Amino acid sequence: MPLHNLFYCSLAKEDISKEDILDILKCSRRNNEKNKITGILVYWKKTNQFLQLLEGEENVISNLYDKICMDNRHSLPRIVYQENILERGFAGWTMAFKSIDEVDTSGIDGFSEFSKLGFTNERTKISPSIAINLLQSFKNSLP
């Protein structure tokens, strides 16, 4: 089965808490490991927005996105881009996480210095996917 990635954005519910986000991460990591899904979740409190890149088998990713669309912690989910890929950009990460705002991340497994460091070259030796380039463009536009 070929690998697929899906990059989407959504708004978080207005009163989303750090505990809600940690619960999303905990459940994601547990389920993603079982389903061989990798990726990264970015949350920006300033805009109350999630950006997420998911990698895995296309039907598994599609089913997961359908579940995300039904999750009341998200609203207005929109697929930005999806494509078949040759290699995972986040191999070994059941779900990396980065909050753009200042948050104590010392207790969060999978935390990435996404907003400060590049991640493409350290994750894959092939050319980055368009979805990873979109995440990199977002990172480059941060203040």
C-alpha atoms as a PDB file:
ATOM      1  CA  MET A   1       0.000   0.000   0.000  1.00  0.00           C
ATOM      2  CA  PRO A   2       1.377   3.420  -0.914  1.00  0.00           C
ATOM      3  CA  LEU A   3       1.839   6.022   1.779  1.00  0.00           C
ATOM      4  CA  HIS A   4      -0.374   9.082   1.826  1.00  0.00           C
ATOM      5  CA  ASN A   5      -0.348  12.358   3.686  1.00  0.00           C
ATOM      6  CA  LEU A   6      -3.146  14.743   4.498  1.00  0.00           C
ATOM      7  CA  PHE A   7      -2.627  18.308   5.700  1.00  0.00           C
ATOM      8  CA  TYR A   8      -5.628  20.089   7.222  1.00  0.00           C
ATOM      9  CA  CYS A   9      -6.464  23.073   9.362  1.00  0.00           C
ATOM     10  CA  SER A  10      -9.324  23.602  11.795  1.00  0.00           C
ATOM     11  CA  LEU A  11     -10.437  25.972  14.508  1.00  0.00           C
ATOM     12  CA  ALA A  12     -10.284  24.746  18.070  1.00  0.00           C
ATOM     13  CA  LYS A  13     -13.413  25.116  20.179  1.00  0.00           C
ATOM     14  CA  GLU A  14     -13.439  28.531  21.869  1.00  0.00           C
ATOM     15  CA  ASP A  15     -12.810  27.274  25.379  1.00  0.00           C
ATOM     16  CA  ILE A  16     -10.247  24.589  24.543  1.00  0.00           C
ATOM     17  CA  SER A  17      -7.950  23.947  27.474  1.00  0.00           C
ATOM     18  CA  LYS A  18      -4.417  22.635  27.813  1.00  0.00           C
ATOM     19  CA  GLU A  19      -6.002  19.448  29.219  1.00  0.00           C
ATOM     20  CA  ASP A  20      -8.130  19.066  26.061  1.00  0.00           C
ATOM     21  CA  ILE A  21      -5.032  19.371  23.896  1.00  0.00           C
ATOM     22  CA  LEU A  22      -3.109  16.902  26.053  1.00  0.00           C
ATOM     23  CA  ASP A  23      -6.051  14.487  25.771  1.00  0.00           C
ATOM     24  CA  ILE A  24      -5.990  14.847  21.961  1.00  0.00           C
ATOM     25  CA  LEU A  25      -2.274  14.059  22.006  1.00  0.00           C
ATOM     26  CA  LYS A  26      -2.595  11.086  24.361  1.00  0.00           C
ATOM     27  CA  CYS A  27      -5.404   9.491  22.345  1.00  0.00           C
ATOM     28  CA  SER A  28      -3.703  10.311  19.045  1.00  0.00           C
ATOM     29  CA  ARG A  29      -0.447   8.707  20.036  1.00  0.00           C
ATOM     30  CA  ARG A  30      -2.131   5.547  21.316  1.00  0.00           C
ATOM     31  CA  ASN A  31      -4.384   5.153  18.260  1.00  0.00           C
ATOM     32  CA  ASN A  32      -1.788   6.297  15.737  1.00  0.00           C
ATOM     33  CA  GLU A  33       0.716   3.735  16.933  1.00  0.00           C
ATOM     34  CA  LYS A  34      -1.865   0.952  16.401  1.00  0.00           C
ATOM     35  CA  ASN A  35      -2.779   2.295  12.953  1.00  0.00           C
ATOM     36  CA  LYS A  36       0.785   3.109  11.818  1.00  0.00           C
ATOM     37  CA  ILE A  37       0.043   6.824  11.486  1.00  0.00           C
ATOM     38  CA  THR A  38       2.708   9.487  11.958  1.00  0.00           C
ATOM     39  CA  GLY A  39       2.588  13.252  11.779  1.00  0.00           C
ATOM     40  CA  ILE A  40       2.624  16.555  13.587  1.00  0.00           C
ATOM     41  CA  LEU A  41      -0.045  18.664  15.290  1.00  0.00           C
ATOM     42  CA  VAL A  42       0.479  22.427  15.566  1.00  0.00           C
ATOM     43  CA  TYR A  43      -1.743  24.584  17.786  1.00  0.00           C
ATOM     44  CA  TRP A  44      -1.645  28.377  17.746  1.00  0.00           C
ATOM     45  CA  LYS A  45      -3.575  29.924  20.621  1.00  0.00           C
ATOM     46  CA  LYS A  46      -3.430  33.404  19.068  1.00  0.00           C
ATOM     47  CA  THR A  47      -5.660  32.259  16.194  1.00  0.00           C
ATOM     48  CA  ASN A  48      -7.190  29.266  18.033  1.00  0.00           C
ATOM     49  CA  GLN A  49      -6.138  27.139  15.087  1.00  0.00           C
ATOM     50  CA  PHE A  50      -4.904  23.604  14.586  1.00  0.00           C
ATOM     51  CA  LEU A  51      -2.702  22.598  11.669  1.00  0.00           C
ATOM     52  CA  GLN A  52      -2.045  18.905  11.299  1.00  0.00           C
ATOM     53  CA  LEU A  53      -0.146  16.674   8.921  1.00  0.00           C
ATOM     54  CA  LEU A  54      -1.043  12.964   8.993  1.00  0.00           C
ATOM     55  CA  GLU A  55       0.926  10.197   7.251  1.00  0.00           C
ATOM     56  CA  GLY A  56      -0.055   6.586   6.633  1.00  0.00           C
ATOM     57  CA  GLU A  57      -2.160   4.365   4.388  1.00  0.00           C
ATOM     58  CA  GLU A  58      -4.716   6.431   2.474  1.00  0.00           C
ATOM     59  CA  ASN A  59      -7.848   4.648   3.743  1.00  0.00           C
ATOM     60  CA  VAL A  60      -6.606   4.828   7.361  1.00  0.00           C
ATOM     61  CA  ILE A  61      -5.822   8.546   7.028  1.00  0.00           C
ATOM     62  CA  SER A  62      -9.198   9.191   5.386  1.00  0.00           C
ATOM     63  CA  ASN A  63     -11.049   7.380   8.190  1.00  0.00           C
ATOM     64  CA  LEU A  64      -9.105   9.319  10.807  1.00  0.00           C
ATOM     65  CA  TYR A  65      -9.883  12.652   9.131  1.00  0.00           C
ATOM     66  CA  ASP A  66     -13.595  11.721   9.137  1.00  0.00           C
ATOM     67  CA  LYS A  67     -13.353  11.137  12.919  1.00  0.00           C
ATOM     68  CA  ILE A  68     -11.558  14.457  13.398  1.00  0.00           C
ATOM     69  CA  CYS A  69     -14.378  16.205  11.511  1.00  0.00           C
ATOM     70  CA  MET A  70     -16.854  14.752  14.038  1.00  0.00           C
ATOM     71  CA  ASP A  71     -14.759  15.769  17.091  1.00  0.00           C
ATOM     72  CA  ASN A  72     -16.403  18.723  18.872  1.00  0.00           C
ATOM     73  CA  ARG A  73     -12.970  20.067  19.873  1.00  0.00           C
ATOM     74  CA  HIS A  74     -12.536  21.075  16.205  1.00  0.00           C
ATOM     75  CA  SER A  75     -14.690  23.210  13.962  1.00  0.00           C
ATOM     76  CA  LEU A  76     -14.523  24.098  10.289  1.00  0.00           C
ATOM     77  CA  PRO A  77     -11.930  21.465   9.353  1.00  0.00           C
ATOM     78  CA  ARG A  78     -10.553  21.967   5.854  1.00  0.00           C
ATOM     79  CA  ILE A  79      -8.167  19.827   3.873  1.00  0.00           C
ATOM     80  CA  VAL A  80      -5.373  22.065   2.616  1.00  0.00           C
ATOM     81  CA  TYR A  81      -3.517  19.418   0.648  1.00  0.00           C
ATOM     82  CA  GLN A  82      -3.112  15.671   0.326  1.00  0.00           C
ATOM     83  CA  GLU A  83      -0.871  13.477  -1.794  1.00  0.00           C
ATOM     84  CA  ASN A  84       0.768  10.088  -2.073  1.00  0.00           C
ATOM     85  CA  ILE A  85       4.303  10.103  -0.693  1.00  0.00           C
ATOM     86  CA  LEU A  86       7.323   7.831  -1.025  1.00  0.00           C
ATOM     87  CA  GLU A  87       8.535   8.204   2.550  1.00  0.00           C
ATOM     88  CA  ARG A  88       7.236   9.532   5.846  1.00  0.00           C
ATOM     89  CA  GLY A  89       8.411  12.991   6.824  1.00  0.00           C
ATOM     90  CA  PHE A  90       7.784  12.188  10.511  1.00  0.00           C
ATOM     91  CA  ALA A  91       8.868   8.564  10.787  1.00  0.00           C
ATOM     92  CA  GLY A  92       8.935   7.499  14.423  1.00  0.00           C
ATOM     93  CA  TRP A  93       6.592  10.267  15.565  1.00  0.00           C
ATOM     94  CA  THR A  94       3.142   8.884  16.393  1.00  0.00           C
ATOM     95  CA  MET A  95       2.165  12.520  16.824  1.00  0.00           C
ATOM     96  CA  ALA A  96       4.639  15.322  17.273  1.00  0.00           C
ATOM     97  CA  PHE A  97       3.232  18.460  18.842  1.00  0.00           C
ATOM     98  CA  LYS A  98       4.091  22.112  18.828  1.00  0.00           C
ATOM     99  CA  SER A  99       2.214  24.969  20.431  1.00  0.00           C
ATOM    100  CA  ILE A 100       3.265  28.234  18.821  1.00  0.00           C
ATOM    101  CA  ASP A 101       2.571  30.146  22.035  1.00  0.00           C
ATOM    102  CA  GLU A 102       4.578  29.960  25.219  1.00  0.00           C
ATOM    103  CA  VAL A 103       3.546  26.775  27.026  1.00  0.00           C
ATOM    104  CA  ASP A 104       5.421  24.636  29.496  1.00  0.00           C
ATOM    105  CA  THR A 105       6.260  21.715  27.241  1.00  0.00           C
ATOM    106  CA  SER A 106       8.536  19.855  29.627  1.00  0.00           C
ATOM    107  CA  GLY A 107       5.862  17.213  30.305  1.00  0.00           C
ATOM    108  CA  ILE A 108       4.740  16.759  26.703  1.00  0.00           C
ATOM    109  CA  ASP A 109       6.243  13.793  24.854  1.00  0.00           C
ATOM    110  CA  GLY A 110       6.947  14.423  21.193  1.00  0.00           C
ATOM    111  CA  PHE A 111       7.446  18.156  21.555  1.00  0.00           C
ATOM    112  CA  SER A 112       9.235  19.681  18.588  1.00  0.00           C
ATOM    113  CA  GLU A 113      11.075  22.972  18.281  1.00  0.00           C
ATOM    114  CA  PHE A 114       9.095  23.362  15.050  1.00  0.00           C
ATOM    115  CA  SER A 115       8.848  27.155  15.243  1.00  0.00           C
ATOM    116  CA  LYS A 116      12.608  27.551  15.786  1.00  0.00           C
ATOM    117  CA  LEU A 117      14.200  24.690  13.855  1.00  0.00           C
ATOM    118  CA  GLY A 118      13.657  23.179  10.445  1.00  0.00           C
ATOM    119  CA  PHE A 119      12.479  19.603  10.461  1.00  0.00           C
ATOM    120  CA  THR A 120      12.511  18.381   6.878  1.00  0.00           C
ATOM    121  CA  ASN A 121      16.185  17.490   6.547  1.00  0.00           C
ATOM    122  CA  GLU A 122      16.338  15.819   9.937  1.00  0.00           C
ATOM    123  CA  ARG A 123      13.287  13.644   9.161  1.00  0.00           C
ATOM    124  CA  THR A 124      13.778  12.509   5.569  1.00  0.00           C
ATOM    125  CA  LYS A 125      16.515  12.294   2.975  1.00  0.00           C
ATOM    126  CA  ILE A 126      14.162  12.674  -0.008  1.00  0.00           C
ATOM    127  CA  SER A 127      12.625  15.923  -1.214  1.00  0.00           C
ATOM    128  CA  PRO A 128      10.011  17.216   1.220  1.00  0.00           C
ATOM    129  CA  SER A 129       6.351  16.687   0.374  1.00  0.00           C
ATOM    130  CA  ILE A 130       4.212  19.660  -0.558  1.00  0.00           C
ATOM    131  CA  ALA A 131       2.451  19.375   2.830  1.00  0.00           C
ATOM    132  CA  ILE A 132       5.786  19.627   4.655  1.00  0.00           C
ATOM    133  CA  ASN A 133       6.677  22.640   2.498  1.00  0.00           C
ATOM    134  CA  LEU A 134       3.349  24.223   3.526  1.00  0.00           C
ATOM    135  CA  LEU A 135       4.195  23.684   7.202  1.00  0.00           C
ATOM    136  CA  GLN A 136       7.659  25.153   6.592  1.00  0.00           C
ATOM    137  CA  SER A 137       6.078  28.219   4.920  1.00  0.00           C
ATOM    138  CA  PHE A 138       3.768  28.639   7.905  1.00  0.00           C
ATOM    139  CA  LYS A 139       6.779  28.408  10.245  1.00  0.00           C
ATOM    140  CA  ASN A 140       8.647  31.007   8.199  1.00  0.00           C
ATOM    141  CA  SER A 141       5.732  33.437   8.466  1.00  0.00           C
ATOM    142  CA  LEU A 142       5.640  33.370  12.267  1.00  0.00           C
ATOM    143  CA  PRO A 143       6.651  36.552  14.083  1.00  0.00           C
END
